[in-house]
Full PDB file with SEQRES, HELIX, SHEET, SSBOND, CRYST1, ORIGX, SCALE, CONECT and MASTER records, all heavy atoms in Angstrom:
SEQRES   1 A   32  VAL VAL ILE ALA LEU ARG PRO THR ILE PRO GLY ASN HIS          
SEQRES   2 A   32  ARG PRO PRO SER ALA MET GLY ASP LEU ASP VAL TYR PHE          
SEQRES   3 A   32  VAL VAL ASP THR THR SER                                      
HELIX    1 AA1 VAL A    2  LEU A    5  1                                   4    
CRYST1    1.000    1.000    1.000  90.00  90.00  90.00 P 1           1          
ORIGX1      1.000000  0.000000  0.000000        0.00000                         
ORIGX2      0.000000  1.000000  0.000000        0.00000                         
ORIGX3      0.000000  0.000000  1.000000        0.00000                         
SCALE1      1.000000  0.000000  0.000000        0.00000                         
SCALE2      0.000000  1.000000  0.000000        0.00000                         
SCALE3      0.000000  0.000000  1.000000        0.00000                         
ATOM      1  N   VAL A   1     148.717  89.413  30.248  1.00  0.00           N  
ATOM      2  CA  VAL A   1     149.044  89.222  31.670  1.00  0.00           C  
ATOM      3  C   VAL A   1     147.786  89.363  32.525  1.00  0.00           C  
ATOM      4  O   VAL A   1     147.545  88.578  33.452  1.00  0.00           O  
ATOM      5  CB  VAL A   1     150.120  90.224  32.130  1.00  0.00           C  
ATOM      6  CG1 VAL A   1     150.277  90.198  33.646  1.00  0.00           C  
ATOM      7  CG2 VAL A   1     151.450  89.915  31.458  1.00  0.00           C  
ATOM      8  N   VAL A   2     146.948  90.350  32.215  1.00  0.00           N  
ATOM      9  CA  VAL A   2     145.697  90.539  32.963  1.00  0.00           C  
ATOM     10  C   VAL A   2     144.793  89.322  32.802  1.00  0.00           C  
ATOM     11  O   VAL A   2     144.179  88.838  33.765  1.00  0.00           O  
ATOM     12  CB  VAL A   2     144.977  91.815  32.503  1.00  0.00           C  
ATOM     13  CG1 VAL A   2     143.600  91.919  33.173  1.00  0.00           C  
ATOM     14  CG2 VAL A   2     145.806  93.041  32.825  1.00  0.00           C  
ATOM     15  N   ILE A   3     144.713  88.792  31.576  1.00  0.00           N  
ATOM     16  CA  ILE A   3     143.897  87.595  31.340  1.00  0.00           C  
ATOM     17  C   ILE A   3     144.406  86.437  32.187  1.00  0.00           C  
ATOM     18  O   ILE A   3     143.627  85.689  32.798  1.00  0.00           O  
ATOM     19  CB  ILE A   3     143.909  87.214  29.850  1.00  0.00           C  
ATOM     20  CG1 ILE A   3     143.175  88.278  29.026  1.00  0.00           C  
ATOM     21  CG2 ILE A   3     143.264  85.848  29.632  1.00  0.00           C  
ATOM     22  CD1 ILE A   3     143.284  88.070  27.532  1.00  0.00           C  
ATOM     23  N   ALA A   4     145.747  86.285  32.253  1.00  0.00           N  
ATOM     24  CA  ALA A   4     146.335  85.190  33.031  1.00  0.00           C  
ATOM     25  C   ALA A   4     146.097  85.361  34.525  1.00  0.00           C  
ATOM     26  O   ALA A   4     146.096  84.379  35.269  1.00  0.00           O  
ATOM     27  CB  ALA A   4     147.831  85.103  32.736  1.00  0.00           C  
ATOM     28  N   LEU A   5     145.851  86.596  34.976  1.00  0.00           N  
ATOM     29  CA  LEU A   5     145.553  86.836  36.396  1.00  0.00           C  
ATOM     30  C   LEU A   5     144.113  86.427  36.745  1.00  0.00           C  
ATOM     31  O   LEU A   5     143.772  86.288  37.907  1.00  0.00           O  
ATOM     32  CB  LEU A   5     145.765  88.310  36.747  1.00  0.00           C  
ATOM     33  CG  LEU A   5     147.221  88.783  36.792  1.00  0.00           C  
ATOM     34  CD1 LEU A   5     147.278  90.298  36.971  1.00  0.00           C  
ATOM     35  CD2 LEU A   5     147.973  88.087  37.930  1.00  0.00           C  
ATOM     36  N   ARG A   6     143.251  86.279  35.757  1.00  0.00           N  
ATOM     37  CA  ARG A   6     141.842  85.870  35.913  1.00  0.00           C  
ATOM     38  C   ARG A   6     141.105  86.712  36.957  1.00  0.00           C  
ATOM     39  O   ARG A   6     140.712  86.235  38.018  1.00  0.00           O  
ATOM     40  CB  ARG A   6     141.750  84.401  36.291  1.00  0.00           C  
ATOM     41  CG  ARG A   6     142.077  83.446  35.158  1.00  0.00           C  
ATOM     42  CD  ARG A   6     141.846  82.014  35.594  1.00  0.00           C  
ATOM     43  NE  ARG A   6     140.459  81.807  35.958  1.00  0.00           N  
ATOM     44  CZ  ARG A   6     140.059  80.848  36.803  1.00  0.00           C  
ATOM     45  NH1 ARG A   6     140.946  80.040  37.358  1.00  0.00           N  
ATOM     46  NH2 ARG A   6     138.786  80.708  37.076  1.00  0.00           N  
ATOM     47  N   PRO A   7     140.880  87.985  36.670  1.00  0.00           N  
ATOM     48  CA  PRO A   7     140.126  88.821  37.615  1.00  0.00           C  
ATOM     49  C   PRO A   7     138.668  88.383  37.690  1.00  0.00           C  
ATOM     50  O   PRO A   7     138.070  88.001  36.679  1.00  0.00           O  
ATOM     51  CB  PRO A   7     140.256  90.227  37.023  1.00  0.00           C  
ATOM     52  CG  PRO A   7     140.486  89.999  35.571  1.00  0.00           C  
ATOM     53  CD  PRO A   7     141.287  88.722  35.472  1.00  0.00           C  
ATOM     54  N   THR A   8     138.089  88.423  38.879  1.00  0.00           N  
ATOM     55  CA  THR A   8     136.687  88.054  39.086  1.00  0.00           C  
ATOM     56  C   THR A   8     136.031  89.031  40.037  1.00  0.00           C  
ATOM     57  O   THR A   8     136.705  89.723  40.810  1.00  0.00           O  
ATOM     58  CB  THR A   8     136.547  86.635  39.671  1.00  0.00           C  
ATOM     59  OG1 THR A   8     137.182  86.598  40.967  1.00  0.00           O  
ATOM     60  CG2 THR A   8     137.205  85.592  38.778  1.00  0.00           C  
ATOM     61  N   ILE A   9     134.710  89.093  39.981  1.00  0.00           N  
ATOM     62  CA  ILE A   9     133.923  89.861  40.940  1.00  0.00           C  
ATOM     63  C   ILE A   9     132.849  88.946  41.502  1.00  0.00           C  
ATOM     64  O   ILE A   9     132.412  88.014  40.828  1.00  0.00           O  
ATOM     65  CB  ILE A   9     133.278  91.109  40.306  1.00  0.00           C  
ATOM     66  CG1 ILE A   9     132.382  90.715  39.119  1.00  0.00           C  
ATOM     67  CG2 ILE A   9     134.327  92.116  39.879  1.00  0.00           C  
ATOM     68  CD1 ILE A   9     131.602  91.871  38.531  1.00  0.00           C  
ATOM     69  N   PRO A  10     132.402  89.183  42.767  1.00  0.00           N  
ATOM     70  CA  PRO A  10     131.346  88.335  43.343  1.00  0.00           C  
ATOM     71  C   PRO A  10     130.075  88.434  42.533  1.00  0.00           C  
ATOM     72  O   PRO A  10     129.674  89.517  42.101  1.00  0.00           O  
ATOM     73  CB  PRO A  10     131.147  88.923  44.750  1.00  0.00           C  
ATOM     74  CG  PRO A  10     132.418  89.666  45.035  1.00  0.00           C  
ATOM     75  CD  PRO A  10     132.892  90.184  43.706  1.00  0.00           C  
ATOM     76  N   GLY A  11     129.430  87.288  42.280  1.00  0.00           N  
ATOM     77  CA  GLY A  11     128.167  87.275  41.550  1.00  0.00           C  
ATOM     78  C   GLY A  11     127.000  87.584  42.456  1.00  0.00           C  
ATOM     79  O   GLY A  11     127.096  87.470  43.681  1.00  0.00           O  
ATOM     80  N   ASN A  12     125.889  87.986  41.878  1.00  0.00           N  
ATOM     81  CA  ASN A  12     124.672  88.274  42.638  1.00  0.00           C  
ATOM     82  C   ASN A  12     123.674  87.131  42.550  1.00  0.00           C  
ATOM     83  O   ASN A  12     122.479  87.317  42.572  1.00  0.00           O  
ATOM     84  CB  ASN A  12     124.017  89.559  42.103  1.00  0.00           C  
ATOM     85  CG  ASN A  12     124.854  90.769  42.385  1.00  0.00           C  
ATOM     86  OD1 ASN A  12     125.451  90.865  43.445  1.00  0.00           O  
ATOM     87  ND2 ASN A  12     124.917  91.685  41.440  1.00  0.00           N  
ATOM     88  N   HIS A  13     124.203  85.914  42.426  1.00  0.00           N  
ATOM     89  CA  HIS A  13     123.324  84.763  42.275  1.00  0.00           C  
ATOM     90  C   HIS A  13     123.898  83.589  43.043  1.00  0.00           C  
ATOM     91  O   HIS A  13     125.051  83.569  43.403  1.00  0.00           O  
ATOM     92  CB  HIS A  13     123.204  84.396  40.788  1.00  0.00           C  
ATOM     93  CG  HIS A  13     124.493  84.563  40.049  1.00  0.00           C  
ATOM     94  ND1 HIS A  13     124.668  85.507  39.071  1.00  0.00           N  
ATOM     95  CD2 HIS A  13     125.703  83.935  40.182  1.00  0.00           C  
ATOM     96  CE1 HIS A  13     125.906  85.446  38.605  1.00  0.00           C  
ATOM     97  NE2 HIS A  13     126.545  84.502  39.265  1.00  0.00           N  
ATOM     98  N   ARG A  14     123.067  82.633  43.300  1.00  0.00           N  
ATOM     99  CA  ARG A  14     123.485  81.420  43.987  1.00  0.00           C  
ATOM    100  C   ARG A  14     123.151  80.240  43.082  1.00  0.00           C  
ATOM    101  O   ARG A  14     122.257  80.326  42.249  1.00  0.00           O  
ATOM    102  CB  ARG A  14     122.743  81.253  45.316  1.00  0.00           C  
ATOM    103  CG  ARG A  14     122.798  82.460  46.220  1.00  0.00           C  
ATOM    104  CD  ARG A  14     121.942  82.196  47.457  1.00  0.00           C  
ATOM    105  NE  ARG A  14     121.721  83.408  48.196  1.00  0.00           N  
ATOM    106  CZ  ARG A  14     122.562  83.876  49.093  1.00  0.00           C  
ATOM    107  NH1 ARG A  14     123.671  83.242  49.342  1.00  0.00           N  
ATOM    108  NH2 ARG A  14     122.312  84.985  49.751  1.00  0.00           N  
ATOM    109  N   PRO A  15     123.834  79.130  43.285  1.00  0.00           N  
ATOM    110  CA  PRO A  15     123.455  77.944  42.534  1.00  0.00           C  
ATOM    111  C   PRO A  15     122.005  77.588  42.829  1.00  0.00           C  
ATOM    112  O   PRO A  15     121.633  77.454  43.987  1.00  0.00           O  
ATOM    113  CB  PRO A  15     124.413  76.863  43.065  1.00  0.00           C  
ATOM    114  CG  PRO A  15     125.553  77.626  43.650  1.00  0.00           C  
ATOM    115  CD  PRO A  15     124.973  78.912  44.160  1.00  0.00           C  
ATOM    116  N   PRO A  16     121.134  77.490  41.822  1.00  0.00           N  
ATOM    117  CA  PRO A  16     119.707  77.282  42.074  1.00  0.00           C  
ATOM    118  C   PRO A  16     119.408  76.006  42.833  1.00  0.00           C  
ATOM    119  O   PRO A  16     118.408  75.912  43.514  1.00  0.00           O  
ATOM    120  CB  PRO A  16     119.098  77.247  40.662  1.00  0.00           C  
ATOM    121  CG  PRO A  16     120.235  76.936  39.754  1.00  0.00           C  
ATOM    122  CD  PRO A  16     121.449  77.531  40.385  1.00  0.00           C  
ATOM    123  N   SER A  17     120.289  75.005  42.749  1.00  0.00           N  
ATOM    124  CA  SER A  17     120.010  73.747  43.421  1.00  0.00           C  
ATOM    125  C   SER A  17     120.178  73.847  44.929  1.00  0.00           C  
ATOM    126  O   SER A  17     119.635  73.052  45.670  1.00  0.00           O  
ATOM    127  CB  SER A  17     120.941  72.662  42.880  1.00  0.00           C  
ATOM    128  OG  SER A  17     122.297  73.010  43.106  1.00  0.00           O  
ATOM    129  N   ALA A  18     120.944  74.845  45.397  1.00  0.00           N  
ATOM    130  CA  ALA A  18     121.258  74.918  46.817  1.00  0.00           C  
ATOM    131  C   ALA A  18     120.018  75.167  47.659  1.00  0.00           C  
ATOM    132  O   ALA A  18     119.900  74.642  48.762  1.00  0.00           O  
ATOM    133  CB  ALA A  18     122.292  76.008  47.060  1.00  0.00           C  
ATOM    134  N   MET A  19     119.099  76.004  47.184  1.00  0.00           N  
ATOM    135  CA  MET A  19     117.891  76.322  47.930  1.00  0.00           C  
ATOM    136  C   MET A  19     116.669  75.614  47.352  1.00  0.00           C  
ATOM    137  O   MET A  19     115.551  75.880  47.754  1.00  0.00           O  
ATOM    138  CB  MET A  19     117.664  77.836  47.921  1.00  0.00           C  
ATOM    139  CG  MET A  19     118.712  78.624  48.674  1.00  0.00           C  
ATOM    140  SD  MET A  19     118.717  78.225  50.418  1.00  0.00           S  
ATOM    141  CE  MET A  19     120.243  79.010  50.919  1.00  0.00           C  
ATOM    142  N   GLY A  20     116.884  74.743  46.381  1.00  0.00           N  
ATOM    143  CA  GLY A  20     115.749  74.114  45.707  1.00  0.00           C  
ATOM    144  C   GLY A  20     114.952  73.180  46.583  1.00  0.00           C  
ATOM    145  O   GLY A  20     113.835  72.817  46.242  1.00  0.00           O  
ATOM    146  N   ASP A  21     115.512  72.773  47.719  1.00  0.00           N  
ATOM    147  CA  ASP A  21     114.821  71.844  48.612  1.00  0.00           C  
ATOM    148  C   ASP A  21     114.195  72.567  49.792  1.00  0.00           C  
ATOM    149  O   ASP A  21     113.848  71.953  50.790  1.00  0.00           O  
ATOM    150  CB  ASP A  21     115.809  70.776  49.108  1.00  0.00           C  
ATOM    151  CG  ASP A  21     115.110  69.624  49.817  1.00  0.00           C  
ATOM    152  OD1 ASP A  21     114.022  69.231  49.362  1.00  0.00           O  
ATOM    153  OD2 ASP A  21     115.646  69.129  50.828  1.00  0.00           O  
ATOM    154  N   LEU A  22     114.047  73.893  49.681  1.00  0.00           N  
ATOM    155  CA  LEU A  22     113.561  74.695  50.803  1.00  0.00           C  
ATOM    156  C   LEU A  22     112.222  75.341  50.488  1.00  0.00           C  
ATOM    157  O   LEU A  22     112.025  75.922  49.422  1.00  0.00           O  
ATOM    158  CB  LEU A  22     114.582  75.795  51.125  1.00  0.00           C  
ATOM    159  CG  LEU A  22     114.208  76.745  52.264  1.00  0.00           C  
ATOM    160  CD1 LEU A  22     114.158  76.003  53.600  1.00  0.00           C  
ATOM    161  CD2 LEU A  22     115.192  77.895  52.333  1.00  0.00           C  
ATOM    162  N   ASP A  23     111.279  75.219  51.426  1.00  0.00           N  
ATOM    163  CA  ASP A  23     109.996  75.917  51.353  1.00  0.00           C  
ATOM    164  C   ASP A  23     109.964  76.984  52.437  1.00  0.00           C  
ATOM    165  O   ASP A  23     110.216  76.689  53.617  1.00  0.00           O  
ATOM    166  CB  ASP A  23     108.828  74.951  51.553  1.00  0.00           C  
ATOM    167  CG  ASP A  23     108.677  73.968  50.398  1.00  0.00           C  
ATOM    168  OD1 ASP A  23     109.240  74.232  49.322  1.00  0.00           O  
ATOM    169  OD2 ASP A  23     108.005  72.933  50.586  1.00  0.00           O  
ATOM    170  N   VAL A  24     109.674  78.217  52.048  1.00  0.00           N  
ATOM    171  CA  VAL A  24     109.657  79.350  52.974  1.00  0.00           C  
ATOM    172  C   VAL A  24     108.231  79.868  53.095  1.00  0.00           C  
ATOM    173  O   VAL A  24     107.627  80.282  52.099  1.00  0.00           O  
ATOM    174  CB  VAL A  24     110.580  80.480  52.482  1.00  0.00           C  
ATOM    175  CG1 VAL A  24     110.636  81.600  53.518  1.00  0.00           C  
ATOM    176  CG2 VAL A  24     111.979  79.949  52.194  1.00  0.00           C  
ATOM    177  N   TYR A  25     107.695  79.839  54.303  1.00  0.00           N  
ATOM    178  CA  TYR A  25     106.335  80.324  54.563  1.00  0.00           C  
ATOM    179  C   TYR A  25     106.418  81.667  55.294  1.00  0.00           C  
ATOM    180  O   TYR A  25     106.942  81.752  56.410  1.00  0.00           O  
ATOM    181  CB  TYR A  25     105.551  79.323  55.414  1.00  0.00           C  
ATOM    182  CG  TYR A  25     105.228  78.027  54.706  1.00  0.00           C  
ATOM    183  CD1 TYR A  25     106.177  77.008  54.612  1.00  0.00           C  
ATOM    184  CD2 TYR A  25     103.986  77.818  54.119  1.00  0.00           C  
ATOM    185  CE1 TYR A  25     105.893  75.814  53.963  1.00  0.00           C  
ATOM    186  CE2 TYR A  25     103.693  76.627  53.458  1.00  0.00           C  
ATOM    187  CZ  TYR A  25     104.657  75.631  53.383  1.00  0.00           C  
ATOM    188  OH  TYR A  25     104.369  74.446  52.739  1.00  0.00           O  
ATOM    189  N   PHE A  26     105.920  82.724  54.664  1.00  0.00           N  
ATOM    190  CA  PHE A  26     105.835  84.033  55.294  1.00  0.00           C  
ATOM    191  C   PHE A  26     104.435  84.181  55.886  1.00  0.00           C  
ATOM    192  O   PHE A  26     103.434  84.098  55.164  1.00  0.00           O  
ATOM    193  CB  PHE A  26     106.087  85.147  54.283  1.00  0.00           C  
ATOM    194  CG  PHE A  26     107.487  85.165  53.723  1.00  0.00           C  
ATOM    195  CD1 PHE A  26     107.742  84.684  52.445  1.00  0.00           C  
ATOM    196  CD2 PHE A  26     108.542  85.648  54.480  1.00  0.00           C  
ATOM    197  CE1 PHE A  26     109.021  84.704  51.928  1.00  0.00           C  
ATOM    198  CE2 PHE A  26     109.838  85.672  53.968  1.00  0.00           C  
ATOM    199  CZ  PHE A  26     110.079  85.192  52.697  1.00  0.00           C  
ATOM    200  N   VAL A  27     104.366  84.389  57.186  1.00  0.00           N  
ATOM    201  CA  VAL A  27     103.083  84.510  57.887  1.00  0.00           C  
ATOM    202  C   VAL A  27     102.998  85.931  58.439  1.00  0.00           C  
ATOM    203  O   VAL A  27     103.759  86.300  59.336  1.00  0.00           O  
ATOM    204  CB  VAL A  27     102.981  83.472  59.022  1.00  0.00           C  
ATOM    205  CG1 VAL A  27     101.614  83.562  59.694  1.00  0.00           C  
ATOM    206  CG2 VAL A  27     103.237  82.068  58.490  1.00  0.00           C  
ATOM    207  N   VAL A  28     102.083  86.725  57.897  1.00  0.00           N  
ATOM    208  CA  VAL A  28     102.082  88.160  58.155  1.00  0.00           C  
ATOM    209  C   VAL A  28     100.804  88.607  58.859  1.00  0.00           C  
ATOM    210  O   VAL A  28      99.693  88.291  58.425  1.00  0.00           O  
ATOM    211  CB  VAL A  28     102.236  88.946  56.835  1.00  0.00           C  
ATOM    212  CG1 VAL A  28     102.453  90.430  57.122  1.00  0.00           C  
ATOM    213  CG2 VAL A  28     103.377  88.386  56.001  1.00  0.00           C  
ATOM    214  N   ASP A  29     100.989  89.352  59.924  1.00  0.00           N  
ATOM    215  CA  ASP A  29      99.886  89.970  60.658  1.00  0.00           C  
ATOM    216  C   ASP A  29      99.380  91.158  59.845  1.00  0.00           C  
ATOM    217  O   ASP A  29     100.130  92.090  59.554  1.00  0.00           O  
ATOM    218  CB  ASP A  29     100.408  90.437  62.024  1.00  0.00           C  
ATOM    219  CG  ASP A  29      99.329  91.071  62.888  1.00  0.00           C  
ATOM    220  OD1 ASP A  29      98.209  91.313  62.400  1.00  0.00           O  
ATOM    221  OD2 ASP A  29      99.623  91.333  64.075  1.00  0.00           O  
ATOM    222  N   THR A  30      98.112  91.127  59.441  1.00  0.00           N  
ATOM    223  CA  THR A  30      97.539  92.257  58.704  1.00  0.00           C  
ATOM    224  C   THR A  30      96.391  92.898  59.482  1.00  0.00           C  
ATOM    225  O   THR A  30      95.510  93.530  58.891  1.00  0.00           O  
ATOM    226  CB  THR A  30      97.041  91.813  57.311  1.00  0.00           C  
ATOM    227  OG1 THR A  30      96.172  90.684  57.436  1.00  0.00           O  
ATOM    228  CG2 THR A  30      98.203  91.469  56.400  1.00  0.00           C  
ATOM    229  N   THR A  31      96.375  92.713  60.795  1.00  0.00           N  
ATOM    230  CA  THR A  31      95.366  93.379  61.609  1.00  0.00           C  
ATOM    231  C   THR A  31      95.625  94.887  61.604  1.00  0.00           C  
ATOM    232  O   THR A  31      96.679  95.354  61.175  1.00  0.00           O  
ATOM    233  CB  THR A  31      95.388  92.856  63.057  1.00  0.00           C  
ATOM    234  OG1 THR A  31      96.695  93.056  63.612  1.00  0.00           O  
ATOM    235  CG2 THR A  31      95.046  91.376  63.108  1.00  0.00           C  
ATOM    236  N   SER A  32      94.682  95.642  62.107  1.00  0.00           N  
ATOM    237  CA  SER A  32      94.792  97.106  62.068  1.00  0.00           C  
ATOM    238  C   SER A  32      96.024  97.625  62.782  1.00  0.00           C  
ATOM    239  O   SER A  32      96.560  98.687  62.432  1.00  0.00           O  
ATOM    240  CB  SER A  32      93.533  97.731  62.688  1.00  0.00           C  
ATOM    241  OG  SER A  32      92.378  97.430  61.924  1.00  0.00           O  
TER     242      SER A  32                                                      
MASTER        0    0    0    1    0    0    0    6  241    1    0    3          
END                                                                             
């Protein structure tokens, strides 16, 4: 019965193709 209920938990991953078209530029101030 538990198997037929198909319990799931949220995954900690995303489909790799979803962000594959994105370039992220981090621009950081390193002055004093």
